Amino acid sequence: MNDKQADQMRSGAGFIAALDQSGGSTPKALKLYGIGEDAYSGEEEMFGLIHEMRARIIKSPAFSGEKVIGAILFERTMDGEIDGIPTAEYLWEKRGVVPFLKVDKGLENERDSVQLMKDMPDLDALLSKAVSKGIFGTKMRSVINGASPSGIRAVVAQQFEIGRRILAHGLVPIIEPEVTISIDDKQAAETILREEIAARLDALEDGVEVMLKLTLPEQENYYADLVAHPRVMRVVALSGGYAREEANRRLAANRGMIASFSRALTEGLSAKQADTEFDSELAGTIASIHEASIAG
């Protein structure tokens, strides 16, 4: 583990940018950016365009470790380059931003009100490659669609089981059991989730640290005990479909949580914008998310 990067993740006054849209979510991300599906043919062109968008964000003057302390990358982004420099190296050496990698391969179909992660047969090879490319940590996402105790227990168990494999490679896992924001029993699901995560954290060995990425809770400071847990390096919040203004408002009310927004980060950005307009829009967005992240 890079000690300087670890210190930045534990105590840096900023947020984590989620630039990890994968194959299934890339067309939607490009459409929001003003690039329709008629603008490209096939996956290679599609991923080339999303890499250009991400590179444009990363190279923007406001995107630096002063306010953006980390960034989560898709595997193809990690494998790519910015100005001839491998992306993860560029992030840390040129921008002062700690690089993370999305490692999950998507979600299983819903069962017992949750969606577990699909099998990852090549996980160890991917983790070894991530280490070789200077990646600090990883992110993996499951989804909770209802307050099912057995379903949520299965989600958390899977997250921590894979988290241990990630830790074995010297990487810090971001454990992300997302609670869908639109469900009627969201707060009940959060109660079960908090208890399951706390039990798994308590079972970790001394000196082990993980990160948590959680949906912004219904009750302010509901995850305060997790924020303060000695096995937790940082608790970050996903926007979960909330518009940026609402996500920022909710985040600011939760002490110790920082943002890890995706759609809320790129809201308002367009491929058609001149660089000055693009940079100005992104700078305002980064400032607002940074302010909400340090409000507590």
Protein backbone atom coordinates (compact mmCIF):
# COMPACT_ATOMS: atom_id res chain seq x y z
CA MET A 1 0.00 0.00 0.00
CA ASN A 2 1.22 3.48 -0.87
CA ASP A 3 1.36 5.28 2.50
CA LYS A 4 0.95 8.75 0.99
CA GLN A 5 -2.13 7.64 -0.92
CA ALA A 6 -3.51 5.92 2.20
CA ASP A 7 -3.10 9.13 4.22
CA GLN A 8 -4.91 11.06 1.50
CA MET A 9 -7.80 8.60 1.54
CA ARG A 10 -8.08 8.62 5.35
CA SER A 11 -8.03 12.35 5.89
CA GLY A 12 -8.03 14.22 2.57
CA ALA A 13 -10.55 17.07 2.36
CA GLY A 14 -12.28 16.10 -0.85
CA PHE A 15 -14.28 13.43 -2.67
CA ILE A 16 -13.88 10.47 -5.01
CA ALA A 17 -14.92 10.83 -8.64
CA ALA A 18 -16.67 7.76 -10.05
CA LEU A 19 -15.52 7.46 -13.67
CA ASP A 20 -16.27 3.74 -13.92
CA GLN A 21 -19.28 3.39 -16.21
CA SER A 22 -18.97 -0.07 -17.79
CA GLY A 23 -20.38 -1.65 -20.93
CA GLY A 24 -24.01 -1.61 -19.87
CA SER A 25 -24.07 1.96 -18.59
CA THR A 26 -21.72 3.54 -21.15
CA PRO A 27 -24.38 4.31 -23.82
CA LYS A 28 -26.48 6.17 -21.24
CA ALA A 29 -23.44 8.09 -19.98
CA LEU A 30 -22.53 9.09 -23.53
CA LYS A 31 -26.12 10.11 -24.30
CA LEU A 32 -26.16 12.39 -21.26
CA TYR A 33 -22.89 13.82 -22.55
CA GLY A 34 -24.56 14.61 -25.88
CA ILE A 35 -23.30 11.63 -27.91
CA GLY A 36 -26.11 9.43 -29.21
CA GLU A 37 -25.81 5.78 -30.23
CA ASP A 38 -25.88 6.83 -33.89
CA ALA A 39 -22.49 8.52 -33.39
CA TYR A 40 -20.54 5.26 -33.04
CA SER A 41 -20.48 1.73 -34.40
CA GLY A 42 -19.54 -1.12 -32.12
CA GLU A 43 -17.96 -1.36 -28.68
CA GLU A 44 -14.49 -0.17 -29.65
CA GLU A 45 -15.76 3.19 -30.93
CA MET A 46 -18.09 3.49 -27.95
CA PHE A 47 -15.31 2.86 -25.42
CA GLY A 48 -13.01 5.18 -27.35
CA LEU A 49 -15.54 8.00 -26.96
CA ILE A 50 -16.10 7.39 -23.25
CA HIS A 51 -12.32 7.36 -22.73
CA GLU A 52 -12.09 10.73 -24.47
CA MET A 53 -14.79 12.06 -22.14
CA ARG A 54 -13.02 10.75 -19.04
CA ALA A 55 -9.64 12.07 -20.23
CA ARG A 56 -11.21 15.49 -20.82
CA ILE A 57 -12.55 15.48 -17.25
CA ILE A 58 -9.26 14.32 -15.73
CA LYS A 59 -7.21 16.90 -17.65
CA SER A 60 -9.51 19.77 -16.70
CA PRO A 61 -7.78 22.27 -14.37
CA ALA A 62 -10.31 21.82 -11.55
CA PHE A 63 -9.81 18.06 -11.45
CA SER A 64 -6.93 17.79 -8.99
CA GLY A 65 -6.13 16.31 -5.60
CA GLU A 66 -6.98 19.60 -3.95
CA LYS A 67 -10.67 18.68 -4.12
CA VAL A 68 -10.82 15.32 -5.93
CA ILE A 69 -8.83 12.97 -3.70
CA GLY A 70 -9.57 9.77 -5.64
CA ALA A 71 -11.07 8.45 -8.87
CA ILE A 72 -12.62 5.08 -9.74
CA LEU A 73 -11.75 3.73 -13.18
CA PHE A 74 -13.25 1.14 -15.50
CA GLU A 75 -10.75 -1.57 -16.57
CA ARG A 76 -10.50 -0.24 -20.12
CA THR A 77 -9.76 3.23 -18.74
CA MET A 78 -6.99 1.80 -16.56
CA ASP A 79 -5.57 0.02 -19.59
CA GLY A 80 -5.66 3.24 -21.61
CA GLU A 81 -3.43 6.31 -21.59
CA ILE A 82 -3.76 10.07 -21.26
CA ASP A 83 -1.19 12.04 -23.25
CA GLY A 84 0.86 8.86 -23.62
CA ILE A 85 0.90 8.14 -19.87
CA PRO A 86 -1.00 5.18 -18.33
CA THR A 87 -4.22 6.53 -16.82
CA ALA A 88 -3.58 5.53 -13.18
CA GLU A 89 -0.05 6.96 -13.32
CA TYR A 90 -1.36 10.16 -14.89
CA LEU A 91 -3.97 10.54 -12.14
CA TRP A 92 -1.48 10.27 -9.31
CA GLU A 93 1.63 11.87 -10.79
CA LYS A 94 -0.02 14.69 -12.76
CA ARG A 95 -3.23 15.37 -10.82
CA GLY A 96 -2.53 14.09 -7.27
CA VAL A 97 -5.62 11.85 -7.43
CA VAL A 98 -5.57 8.32 -5.96
CA PRO A 99 -6.61 5.69 -8.57
CA PHE A 100 -9.16 2.94 -7.88
CA LEU A 101 -10.48 0.20 -10.17
CA LYS A 102 -14.01 -1.17 -10.61
CA VAL A 103 -13.63 -4.96 -10.49
CA ASP A 104 -17.15 -6.40 -10.50
CA LYS A 105 -18.62 -7.86 -13.69
CA GLY A 106 -22.18 -6.69 -13.15
CA LEU A 107 -25.18 -8.04 -11.28
CA GLU A 108 -27.09 -11.31 -11.10
CA ASN A 109 -30.85 -11.23 -11.60
CA GLU A 110 -32.80 -10.17 -8.52
CA ARG A 111 -33.42 -12.85 -5.93
CA ASP A 112 -34.64 -12.40 -2.35
CA SER A 113 -34.97 -8.64 -3.01
CA VAL A 114 -31.24 -8.22 -3.83
CA GLN A 115 -28.85 -8.50 -6.74
CA LEU A 116 -25.59 -10.23 -5.95
CA MET A 117 -22.48 -9.72 -8.05
CA LYS A 118 -21.82 -12.06 -10.92
CA ASP A 119 -18.93 -14.51 -10.63
CA MET A 120 -15.48 -13.05 -11.23
CA PRO A 121 -13.39 -15.99 -12.50
CA ASP A 122 -10.50 -13.77 -13.54
CA LEU A 123 -10.46 -11.62 -10.40
CA ASP A 124 -6.99 -12.55 -9.16
CA ALA A 125 -5.43 -11.88 -12.57
CA LEU A 126 -7.20 -8.51 -12.72
CA LEU A 127 -6.02 -7.62 -9.22
CA SER A 128 -2.44 -8.51 -10.10
CA LYS A 129 -2.66 -6.31 -13.18
CA ALA A 130 -4.12 -3.48 -11.10
CA VAL A 131 -1.19 -3.66 -8.68
CA SER A 132 1.26 -3.54 -11.58
CA LYS A 133 -0.43 -0.40 -12.93
CA GLY A 134 -0.31 1.50 -9.63
CA ILE A 135 -3.92 1.09 -8.55
CA PHE A 136 -4.53 1.76 -4.84
CA GLY A 137 -7.89 0.09 -4.30
CA THR A 138 -10.97 -1.41 -5.92
CA LYS A 139 -14.73 -0.98 -6.05
CA MET A 140 -17.51 -3.56 -6.43
CA ARG A 141 -21.26 -3.02 -6.40
CA SER A 142 -24.26 -5.05 -5.27
CA VAL A 143 -27.85 -3.79 -5.11
CA ILE A 144 -30.49 -4.03 -2.39
CA ASN A 145 -34.08 -3.63 -3.58
CA GLY A 146 -35.92 -4.46 -0.36
CA ALA A 147 -35.53 -4.98 3.38
CA SER A 148 -34.89 -8.72 3.22
CA PRO A 149 -32.66 -9.80 6.15
CA SER A 150 -31.46 -12.95 4.35
CA GLY A 151 -30.90 -11.12 1.07
CA ILE A 152 -28.96 -8.28 2.65
CA ARG A 153 -26.93 -10.77 4.70
CA ALA A 154 -25.98 -12.56 1.46
CA VAL A 155 -24.97 -9.28 -0.19
CA VAL A 156 -22.72 -8.24 2.69
CA ALA A 157 -21.22 -11.72 3.04
CA GLN A 158 -20.29 -11.77 -0.65
CA GLN A 159 -18.85 -8.26 -0.52
CA PHE A 160 -16.60 -9.05 2.43
CA GLU A 161 -15.57 -12.45 1.07
CA ILE A 162 -14.33 -10.86 -2.13
CA GLY A 163 -12.97 -7.93 -0.13
CA ARG A 164 -10.63 -10.35 1.67
CA ARG A 165 -9.27 -11.56 -1.68
CA ILE A 166 -8.65 -7.95 -2.68
CA LEU A 167 -6.88 -7.20 0.61
CA ALA A 168 -4.63 -10.21 -0.01
CA HIS A 169 -3.25 -8.41 -3.08
CA GLY A 170 -2.40 -5.33 -1.01
CA LEU A 171 -5.33 -3.33 -2.37
CA VAL A 172 -8.04 -1.53 -0.39
CA PRO A 173 -11.57 -2.67 -1.30
CA ILE A 174 -14.45 -0.23 -1.54
CA ILE A 175 -17.43 -2.33 -0.45
CA GLU A 176 -20.60 -1.04 -2.13
CA PRO A 177 -23.97 -2.55 -1.17
CA GLU A 178 -26.21 0.05 -2.82
CA VAL A 179 -29.73 0.51 -1.46
CA THR A 180 -32.10 1.58 -4.24
CA ILE A 181 -33.38 5.06 -3.40
CA SER A 182 -36.93 4.50 -4.68
CA ILE A 183 -37.95 1.51 -2.53
CA ASP A 184 -40.69 1.96 0.09
CA ASP A 185 -38.72 0.21 2.85
CA LYS A 186 -35.41 2.00 2.29
CA GLN A 187 -34.89 2.91 5.95
CA ALA A 188 -35.68 -0.63 7.09
CA ALA A 189 -33.15 -1.96 4.57
CA GLU A 190 -30.57 0.49 5.91
CA THR A 191 -31.14 -0.76 9.46
CA ILE A 192 -30.42 -4.36 8.44
CA LEU A 193 -27.48 -3.28 6.29
CA ARG A 194 -25.84 -1.28 9.07
CA GLU A 195 -26.01 -4.24 11.44
CA GLU A 196 -24.62 -6.70 8.89
CA ILE A 197 -21.73 -4.43 7.92
CA ALA A 198 -20.83 -3.72 11.56
CA ALA A 199 -20.68 -7.46 12.32
CA ARG A 200 -18.38 -8.09 9.35
CA LEU A 201 -16.14 -5.18 10.26
CA ASP A 202 -15.83 -6.44 13.83
CA ALA A 203 -14.62 -9.79 12.47
CA LEU A 204 -11.73 -8.26 10.50
CA GLU A 205 -8.22 -8.61 11.86
CA ASP A 206 -6.43 -5.74 13.60
CA GLY A 207 -4.74 -3.40 11.16
CA VAL A 208 -7.03 -4.27 8.24
CA GLU A 209 -8.90 -1.38 6.63
CA VAL A 210 -11.66 -1.29 4.05
CA MET A 211 -13.74 1.50 2.58
CA LEU A 212 -17.53 1.60 2.35
CA LYS A 213 -19.63 3.14 -0.42
CA LEU A 214 -23.22 3.57 0.75
CA THR A 215 -26.45 5.12 -0.46
CA LEU A 216 -27.18 8.39 1.32
CA PRO A 217 -29.37 7.35 4.28
CA GLU A 218 -32.88 8.49 5.16
CA GLN A 219 -31.78 9.41 8.69
CA GLU A 220 -28.96 11.92 9.06
CA ASN A 221 -25.69 10.51 10.40
CA TYR A 222 -27.17 7.01 10.39
CA TYR A 223 -23.80 5.54 9.48
CA ALA A 224 -21.80 7.50 12.06
CA ASP A 225 -20.71 4.32 13.86
CA LEU A 226 -19.37 2.92 10.58
CA VAL A 227 -17.54 6.19 9.85
CA ALA A 228 -15.84 5.90 13.24
CA HIS A 229 -15.08 2.17 13.02
CA PRO A 230 -11.34 1.38 13.33
CA ARG A 231 -11.48 -1.00 10.33
CA VAL A 232 -12.92 1.69 8.04
CA MET A 233 -10.55 3.92 6.10
CA ARG A 234 -13.37 6.09 4.70
CA VAL A 235 -17.10 6.04 4.08
CA VAL A 236 -18.14 7.48 0.74
CA ALA A 237 -21.63 8.14 -0.59
CA LEU A 238 -23.12 7.26 -3.96
CA SER A 239 -25.62 9.62 -5.54
CA GLY A 240 -27.90 6.71 -6.46
CA GLY A 241 -29.94 8.66 -8.99
CA TYR A 242 -30.48 11.77 -6.87
CA ALA A 243 -29.89 14.95 -8.85
CA ARG A 244 -26.69 16.73 -7.83
CA GLU A 245 -28.41 19.40 -5.74
CA GLU A 246 -30.36 16.82 -3.72
CA ALA A 247 -27.34 14.52 -3.41
CA ASN A 248 -25.23 17.40 -2.12
CA ARG A 249 -27.93 18.43 0.35
CA ARG A 250 -28.19 14.93 1.77
CA LEU A 251 -24.42 14.48 1.85
CA ALA A 252 -23.81 17.73 3.73
CA ALA A 253 -26.10 16.48 6.52
CA ASN A 254 -24.00 13.34 7.11
CA ARG A 255 -20.82 14.08 9.03
CA GLY A 256 -17.75 12.16 7.98
CA MET A 257 -19.15 10.89 4.66
CA ILE A 258 -17.69 12.16 1.41
CA ALA A 259 -19.04 11.91 -2.12
CA SER A 260 -18.29 9.31 -4.73
CA PHE A 261 -20.64 10.54 -7.41
CA SER A 262 -20.89 9.45 -11.04
CA ARG A 263 -23.93 10.88 -12.80
CA ALA A 264 -24.06 13.84 -10.40
CA LEU A 265 -20.43 14.61 -11.30
CA THR A 266 -20.99 14.71 -15.07
CA GLU A 267 -24.38 16.45 -14.92
CA GLY A 268 -24.30 19.49 -17.20
CA LEU A 269 -21.22 18.43 -19.19
CA SER A 270 -21.50 18.12 -22.97
CA ALA A 271 -19.26 17.05 -25.82
CA LYS A 272 -20.48 20.13 -27.66
CA GLN A 273 -19.13 22.57 -25.07
CA ALA A 274 -15.99 24.53 -25.84
CA ASP A 275 -13.16 23.79 -23.42
CA THR A 276 -13.67 27.03 -21.51
CA GLU A 277 -17.37 26.30 -20.98
CA PHE A 278 -16.68 22.64 -20.14
CA ASP A 279 -13.97 23.53 -17.63
CA SER A 280 -16.14 26.20 -16.02
CA GLU A 281 -19.11 23.83 -15.66
CA LEU A 282 -16.92 21.07 -14.21
CA ALA A 283 -15.20 23.47 -11.83
CA GLY A 284 -18.55 24.56 -10.43
CA THR A 285 -19.68 20.97 -10.05
CA ILE A 286 -16.46 19.94 -8.30
CA ALA A 287 -16.69 22.94 -5.97
CA SER A 288 -20.27 22.09 -4.97
CA ILE A 289 -19.55 18.39 -4.35
CA HIS A 290 -16.36 19.26 -2.46
CA GLU A 291 -18.25 21.72 -0.26
CA ALA A 292 -20.89 19.09 0.57
CA SER A 293 -18.18 16.52 1.30
CA ILE A 294 -16.38 18.68 3.84
CA ALA A 295 -19.52 20.22 5.37
CA GLY A 296 -19.54 17.80 8.29
